[in-house]
N, C-alpha and C. Protein backbone atom coordinates (compact mmCIF):
# COMPACT_ATOMS: atom_id res chain seq x y z
N MET A 1 16.43 -16.93 26.26
CA MET A 1 16.78 -15.84 25.39
C MET A 1 15.79 -15.81 24.22
N ASP A 2 15.34 -14.61 23.84
CA ASP A 2 14.43 -14.45 22.71
C ASP A 2 15.19 -14.56 21.40
N LYS A 3 14.56 -15.22 20.44
CA LYS A 3 15.19 -15.33 19.13
C LYS A 3 14.92 -14.07 18.33
N MET A 4 15.91 -13.67 17.57
CA MET A 4 15.76 -12.48 16.73
C MET A 4 15.05 -12.85 15.44
N LYS A 5 14.25 -11.90 14.94
CA LYS A 5 13.57 -12.10 13.67
C LYS A 5 14.46 -11.53 12.57
N PHE A 6 14.72 -12.33 11.57
CA PHE A 6 15.56 -11.90 10.46
C PHE A 6 14.72 -11.70 9.21
N GLN A 7 13.60 -11.02 9.38
CA GLN A 7 12.72 -10.73 8.27
C GLN A 7 12.49 -9.23 8.20
N THR A 8 12.43 -8.72 6.99
CA THR A 8 12.14 -7.31 6.82
C THR A 8 10.64 -7.15 6.55
N PRO A 9 10.07 -6.06 7.03
CA PRO A 9 8.64 -5.85 6.77
C PRO A 9 8.40 -5.54 5.30
N ASN A 10 7.23 -5.90 4.82
CA ASN A 10 6.87 -5.64 3.43
C ASN A 10 6.30 -4.22 3.37
N LEU A 11 7.19 -3.26 3.15
CA LEU A 11 6.79 -1.85 3.16
C LEU A 11 5.88 -1.51 1.99
N THR A 12 6.05 -2.18 0.87
CA THR A 12 5.20 -1.91 -0.29
C THR A 12 3.76 -2.25 0.03
N ALA A 13 3.53 -3.40 0.61
CA ALA A 13 2.17 -3.81 0.95
C ALA A 13 1.56 -2.87 1.98
N GLU A 14 2.37 -2.41 2.93
CA GLU A 14 1.87 -1.48 3.93
C GLU A 14 1.47 -0.15 3.28
N ASN A 15 2.28 0.33 2.35
CA ASN A 15 1.98 1.59 1.68
C ASN A 15 0.75 1.48 0.78
N VAL A 16 0.60 0.36 0.09
CA VAL A 16 -0.58 0.15 -0.74
C VAL A 16 -1.82 0.13 0.14
N SER A 17 -1.72 -0.50 1.30
CA SER A 17 -2.84 -0.55 2.23
C SER A 17 -3.21 0.85 2.72
N LYS A 18 -2.22 1.67 3.00
CA LYS A 18 -2.48 3.04 3.43
C LYS A 18 -3.14 3.85 2.32
N LEU A 19 -2.66 3.67 1.09
CA LEU A 19 -3.27 4.36 -0.04
C LEU A 19 -4.71 3.91 -0.24
N ALA A 20 -4.96 2.63 -0.05
CA ALA A 20 -6.32 2.09 -0.20
C ALA A 20 -7.25 2.70 0.84
N ASP A 21 -6.74 2.97 2.04
CA ASP A 21 -7.56 3.60 3.07
C ASP A 21 -7.89 5.04 2.69
N LEU A 22 -6.91 5.75 2.12
CA LEU A 22 -7.11 7.16 1.76
C LEU A 22 -7.86 7.33 0.45
N PHE A 23 -7.54 6.49 -0.54
CA PHE A 23 -8.12 6.59 -1.87
C PHE A 23 -8.58 5.21 -2.33
N PRO A 24 -9.72 4.74 -1.84
CA PRO A 24 -10.15 3.38 -2.15
C PRO A 24 -10.36 3.11 -3.63
N GLY A 25 -10.68 4.13 -4.41
CA GLY A 25 -10.89 3.93 -5.84
C GLY A 25 -9.61 3.79 -6.63
N ALA A 26 -8.48 4.13 -6.03
CA ALA A 26 -7.20 4.10 -6.73
C ALA A 26 -6.50 2.75 -6.63
N VAL A 27 -6.98 1.89 -5.75
CA VAL A 27 -6.36 0.57 -5.58
C VAL A 27 -7.31 -0.48 -6.11
N VAL A 28 -6.85 -1.21 -7.12
CA VAL A 28 -7.65 -2.24 -7.77
C VAL A 28 -6.90 -3.57 -7.68
N GLU A 29 -7.52 -4.55 -7.07
CA GLU A 29 -6.94 -5.89 -6.90
C GLU A 29 -5.57 -5.85 -6.24
N GLY A 30 -5.42 -4.98 -5.25
CA GLY A 30 -4.17 -4.90 -4.51
C GLY A 30 -3.06 -4.13 -5.20
N LYS A 31 -3.37 -3.50 -6.32
CA LYS A 31 -2.37 -2.72 -7.05
C LYS A 31 -2.86 -1.29 -7.20
N VAL A 32 -1.92 -0.35 -7.16
CA VAL A 32 -2.27 1.06 -7.29
C VAL A 32 -2.38 1.41 -8.76
N ASN A 33 -3.52 1.96 -9.13
CA ASN A 33 -3.72 2.45 -10.49
C ASN A 33 -3.34 3.93 -10.47
N ILE A 34 -2.20 4.24 -11.08
CA ILE A 34 -1.64 5.59 -11.03
C ILE A 34 -2.59 6.61 -11.64
N ASP A 35 -3.25 6.27 -12.73
CA ASP A 35 -4.17 7.21 -13.38
C ASP A 35 -5.34 7.55 -12.45
N LEU A 36 -5.90 6.54 -11.79
CA LEU A 36 -7.00 6.79 -10.86
C LEU A 36 -6.52 7.58 -9.64
N LEU A 37 -5.31 7.31 -9.19
CA LEU A 37 -4.75 8.06 -8.06
C LEU A 37 -4.57 9.52 -8.43
N ARG A 38 -4.03 9.77 -9.62
CA ARG A 38 -3.87 11.15 -10.10
C ARG A 38 -5.22 11.86 -10.17
N ALA A 39 -6.23 11.17 -10.69
CA ALA A 39 -7.56 11.77 -10.80
C ALA A 39 -8.12 12.12 -9.42
N ASN A 40 -7.85 11.30 -8.43
CA ASN A 40 -8.31 11.57 -7.07
C ASN A 40 -7.57 12.73 -6.42
N LEU A 41 -6.35 12.96 -6.85
CA LEU A 41 -5.54 14.03 -6.26
C LEU A 41 -5.84 15.39 -6.86
N ARG A 42 -6.53 15.43 -7.97
CA ARG A 42 -6.82 16.73 -8.61
C ARG A 42 -7.98 17.40 -7.98
């Protein structure tokens, strides 16, 4: 029998990674810089 995994995925890290792919200048040291993201969206 397969053992079940009782861990939830880290959705925040996945979303930051996706933002980094779309807007590489908006993610600095693994954190989203909201001001830079806004500037990229304008």
